[in-house]
């Protein structure tokens, strides 16, 4: 969750003519539109493992959206469809002390309700390492981390803001090792946003 945006320079096609022409103008164009750091918690129900030991994870996550509007010909559309890179790190508190980490891609649509409030909704998935042993997923190891939900962005000024997200979460290895039902839960995270 601690990533940095990358910029790719684009050279403009317009050039001055004549002996005293200037060099091509360079436009600094960012691949990622903004970055966001979020922290929160994941709570899940481990009925098969132990009714008293629900899944509890402290979650740290980064979000790096890339707008797809230009690619899809939606430059004039008020909302924004983005593909979001989401690396994350989690400290598992229950059912045992362990760690989880991974990253995924999240397809998200955002629409401004007012000049300072943006509503978002989307879903995504990605590979992860889940360090806890559970009856639902067996020994810790490779898992897919799937989530879907909605969020709100509150803009303080043109560059900075705060966010709130609610996600439904599913952790599963797709029964690649043995048949299982996976782990279901939900996540609540708060974040700080900054545009590039």
Protein backbone atom coordinates (compact mmCIF):
# COMPACT_ATOMS: atom_id res chain seq x y z
CA UNK A 1 0.00 0.00 0.00
CA UNK A 2 2.94 2.17 -0.02
CA UNK A 3 3.39 2.77 -3.72
CA UNK A 4 4.30 5.73 -5.86
CA UNK A 5 2.77 6.96 -9.14
CA UNK A 6 4.77 6.78 -12.31
CA UNK A 7 4.79 9.53 -14.91
CA UNK A 8 5.27 9.03 -18.62
CA UNK A 9 6.20 12.10 -20.72
CA UNK A 10 4.20 12.70 -23.88
CA UNK A 11 5.54 14.88 -26.69
CA UNK A 12 3.06 17.25 -28.34
CA UNK A 13 2.65 17.04 -32.09
CA UNK A 14 2.53 20.81 -32.56
CA UNK A 15 5.88 22.40 -33.38
CA UNK A 16 6.79 25.89 -34.54
CA UNK A 17 8.02 26.25 -38.10
CA UNK A 18 10.98 28.23 -39.31
CA UNK A 19 14.67 28.57 -38.51
CA UNK A 20 14.02 29.76 -34.95
CA UNK A 21 11.56 26.98 -34.06
CA UNK A 22 11.39 25.84 -30.44
CA UNK A 23 11.92 22.22 -29.34
CA UNK A 24 8.80 20.05 -28.96
CA UNK A 25 6.76 20.80 -25.87
CA UNK A 26 6.74 18.04 -23.25
CA UNK A 27 3.60 17.31 -21.28
CA UNK A 28 3.96 15.46 -17.99
CA UNK A 29 1.18 12.89 -18.09
CA UNK A 30 0.64 10.59 -15.11
CA UNK A 31 -0.40 6.98 -15.50
CA UNK A 32 -2.11 6.95 -12.09
CA UNK A 33 -4.60 9.74 -11.40
CA UNK A 34 -4.11 9.84 -7.63
CA UNK A 35 -3.02 7.77 -4.66
CA UNK A 36 -4.85 6.77 -1.51
CA UNK A 37 -3.69 5.24 1.75
CA UNK A 38 -6.35 3.39 3.75
CA UNK A 39 -6.49 1.65 7.11
CA UNK A 40 -9.30 -0.35 8.65
CA UNK A 41 -10.48 -3.78 9.70
CA UNK A 42 -11.84 -7.03 8.23
CA UNK A 43 -14.32 -9.05 10.30
CA UNK A 44 -15.31 -12.55 9.18
CA UNK A 45 -17.37 -15.47 10.46
CA UNK A 46 -15.43 -18.71 11.09
CA UNK A 47 -18.28 -21.06 11.98
CA UNK A 48 -16.36 -24.19 11.07
CA UNK A 49 -13.15 -23.23 12.86
CA UNK A 50 -14.49 -22.04 16.19
CA UNK A 51 -17.64 -20.11 16.99
CA UNK A 52 -15.67 -18.01 19.48
CA UNK A 53 -12.81 -17.12 17.10
CA UNK A 54 -14.14 -14.94 14.31
CA UNK A 55 -11.72 -13.62 11.72
CA UNK A 56 -10.23 -10.27 12.76
CA UNK A 57 -7.68 -8.45 10.59
CA UNK A 58 -6.15 -4.99 10.81
CA UNK A 59 -5.85 -3.88 7.18
CA UNK A 60 -3.55 -1.40 5.44
CA UNK A 61 -4.21 -0.76 1.76
CA UNK A 62 -3.05 1.48 -1.06
CA UNK A 63 -5.19 2.50 -4.02
CA UNK A 64 -3.87 3.77 -7.36
CA UNK A 65 -6.61 4.44 -9.96
CA UNK A 66 -6.09 4.75 -13.70
CA UNK A 67 -9.03 6.30 -15.57
CA UNK A 68 -10.44 4.33 -18.51
CA UNK A 69 -12.63 7.19 -19.77
CA UNK A 70 -10.27 8.25 -22.55
CA UNK A 71 -9.80 4.67 -23.72
CA UNK A 72 -13.58 4.17 -23.85
CA UNK A 73 -14.35 7.52 -25.44
CA UNK A 74 -15.98 8.93 -22.29
CA UNK A 75 -13.91 12.10 -21.92
CA UNK A 76 -17.04 14.26 -21.55
CA UNK A 77 -18.82 11.91 -19.12
CA UNK A 78 -19.26 13.31 -15.62
CA UNK A 79 -18.43 10.01 -13.91
CA UNK A 80 -15.15 8.10 -14.07
CA UNK A 81 -14.56 4.40 -14.75
CA UNK A 82 -11.19 3.35 -13.35
CA UNK A 83 -8.99 0.29 -13.02
CA UNK A 84 -7.48 0.49 -9.54
CA UNK A 85 -4.27 -1.18 -8.36
CA UNK A 86 -4.74 -2.26 -4.72
CA UNK A 87 -1.74 -3.62 -2.79
CA UNK A 88 -2.52 -4.52 0.83
CA UNK A 89 -1.00 -5.79 4.07
CA UNK A 90 -2.93 -7.21 6.99
CA UNK A 91 -2.16 -8.24 10.56
CA UNK A 92 -4.38 -11.22 11.45
CA UNK A 93 -5.43 -11.04 15.12
CA UNK A 94 -7.84 -14.01 15.16
CA UNK A 95 -8.13 -17.00 14.91
CA UNK A 96 -4.34 -16.77 15.39
CA UNK A 97 -1.59 -14.20 15.15
CA UNK A 98 -0.44 -14.15 11.51
CA UNK A 99 0.03 -11.95 8.46
CA UNK A 100 -1.62 -11.58 5.08
CA UNK A 101 -0.52 -9.59 2.05
CA UNK A 102 -1.22 -9.35 -1.65
CA UNK A 103 -2.60 -7.14 -4.36
CA UNK A 104 -5.42 -6.99 -6.81
CA UNK A 105 -7.19 -5.05 -9.55
CA UNK A 106 -10.45 -3.31 -8.75
CA UNK A 107 -12.86 -2.04 -11.42
CA UNK A 108 -14.62 1.01 -10.04
CA UNK A 109 -17.12 3.62 -11.16
CA UNK A 110 -17.11 7.01 -9.40
CA UNK A 111 -19.69 9.78 -9.75
CA UNK A 112 -19.71 13.24 -8.14
CA UNK A 113 -22.75 13.95 -5.97
CA UNK A 114 -21.55 17.47 -5.21
CA UNK A 115 -18.35 19.44 -5.79
CA UNK A 116 -16.88 17.90 -2.63
CA UNK A 117 -18.51 14.45 -2.39
CA UNK A 118 -17.89 11.52 -4.75
CA UNK A 119 -19.66 8.15 -4.53
CA UNK A 120 -17.87 5.01 -5.77
CA UNK A 121 -18.83 1.37 -6.39
CA UNK A 122 -16.90 -1.58 -7.78
CA UNK A 123 -15.46 -5.06 -7.42
CA UNK A 124 -12.11 -6.75 -7.82
CA UNK A 125 -9.86 -9.68 -7.07
CA UNK A 126 -6.22 -10.64 -6.76
CA UNK A 127 -3.73 -13.14 -5.33
CA UNK A 128 -2.67 -13.03 -1.70
CA UNK A 129 -0.87 -14.91 1.07
CA UNK A 130 -3.08 -15.74 4.07
CA UNK A 131 -1.01 -16.89 7.04
CA UNK A 132 -3.65 -18.27 9.42
CA UNK A 133 -4.82 -21.90 9.59
CA UNK A 134 -8.60 -22.33 9.51
CA UNK A 135 -11.04 -25.19 9.00
CA UNK A 136 -12.59 -23.23 6.14
CA UNK A 137 -9.31 -22.85 4.18
CA UNK A 138 -6.94 -25.38 5.77
CA UNK A 139 -3.31 -24.41 6.25
CA UNK A 140 -2.27 -20.85 5.50
CA UNK A 141 -0.93 -20.15 2.04
CA UNK A 142 -2.00 -18.88 -1.38
CA UNK A 143 -5.52 -17.45 -1.56
CA UNK A 144 -7.59 -15.20 -3.77
CA UNK A 145 -8.81 -12.04 -2.08
CA UNK A 146 -12.13 -10.92 -3.63
CA UNK A 147 -14.10 -7.84 -2.63
CA UNK A 148 -17.01 -5.69 -3.76
CA UNK A 149 -18.55 -2.63 -2.22
CA UNK A 150 -18.98 1.13 -2.23
CA UNK A 151 -17.20 4.18 -0.93
CA UNK A 152 -17.38 7.94 -0.47
CA UNK A 153 -14.69 10.53 -1.11
CA UNK A 154 -14.81 13.84 0.73
CA UNK A 155 -12.65 16.45 -0.99
CA UNK A 156 -11.05 19.08 1.22
CA UNK A 157 -9.55 21.00 -1.68
CA UNK A 158 -8.59 20.24 -5.29
CA UNK A 159 -5.70 17.97 -4.24
CA UNK A 160 -6.54 16.33 -0.92
CA UNK A 161 -9.44 14.55 0.74
CA UNK A 162 -10.69 11.74 2.98
CA UNK A 163 -12.51 8.53 2.12
CA UNK A 164 -14.76 5.86 3.61
CA UNK A 165 -15.19 2.37 2.14
CA UNK A 166 -17.38 -0.63 2.95
CA UNK A 167 -16.51 -3.95 1.29
CA UNK A 168 -17.87 -7.46 1.28
CA UNK A 169 -14.86 -9.79 1.31
CA UNK A 170 -14.34 -13.41 0.22
CA UNK A 171 -11.05 -15.26 0.84
CA UNK A 172 -10.64 -18.56 -1.00
CA UNK A 173 -8.17 -20.71 -2.90
CA UNK A 174 -10.97 -21.74 -5.32
CA UNK A 175 -10.72 -25.26 -3.83
CA UNK A 176 -7.39 -25.77 -5.61
CA UNK A 177 -5.96 -27.71 -2.64
CA UNK A 178 -9.18 -29.31 -1.43
CA UNK A 179 -12.88 -28.49 -1.47
CA UNK A 180 -13.79 -25.67 0.90
CA UNK A 181 -16.32 -22.90 1.28
CA UNK A 182 -13.88 -20.03 1.75
CA UNK A 183 -14.13 -17.26 4.32
CA UNK A 184 -16.72 -14.50 4.08
CA UNK A 185 -16.52 -11.19 5.86
CA UNK A 186 -16.71 -7.45 5.52
CA UNK A 187 -14.21 -4.61 5.66
CA UNK A 188 -14.54 -1.02 6.83
CA UNK A 189 -11.66 1.29 5.91
CA UNK A 190 -10.88 5.00 6.16
CA UNK A 191 -8.42 6.71 3.88
CA UNK A 192 -6.45 9.79 2.88
CA UNK A 193 -6.48 10.77 -0.82
CA UNK A 194 -4.17 12.93 -2.86
CA UNK A 195 -4.25 13.71 -6.57
CA UNK A 196 -1.08 13.86 -8.63
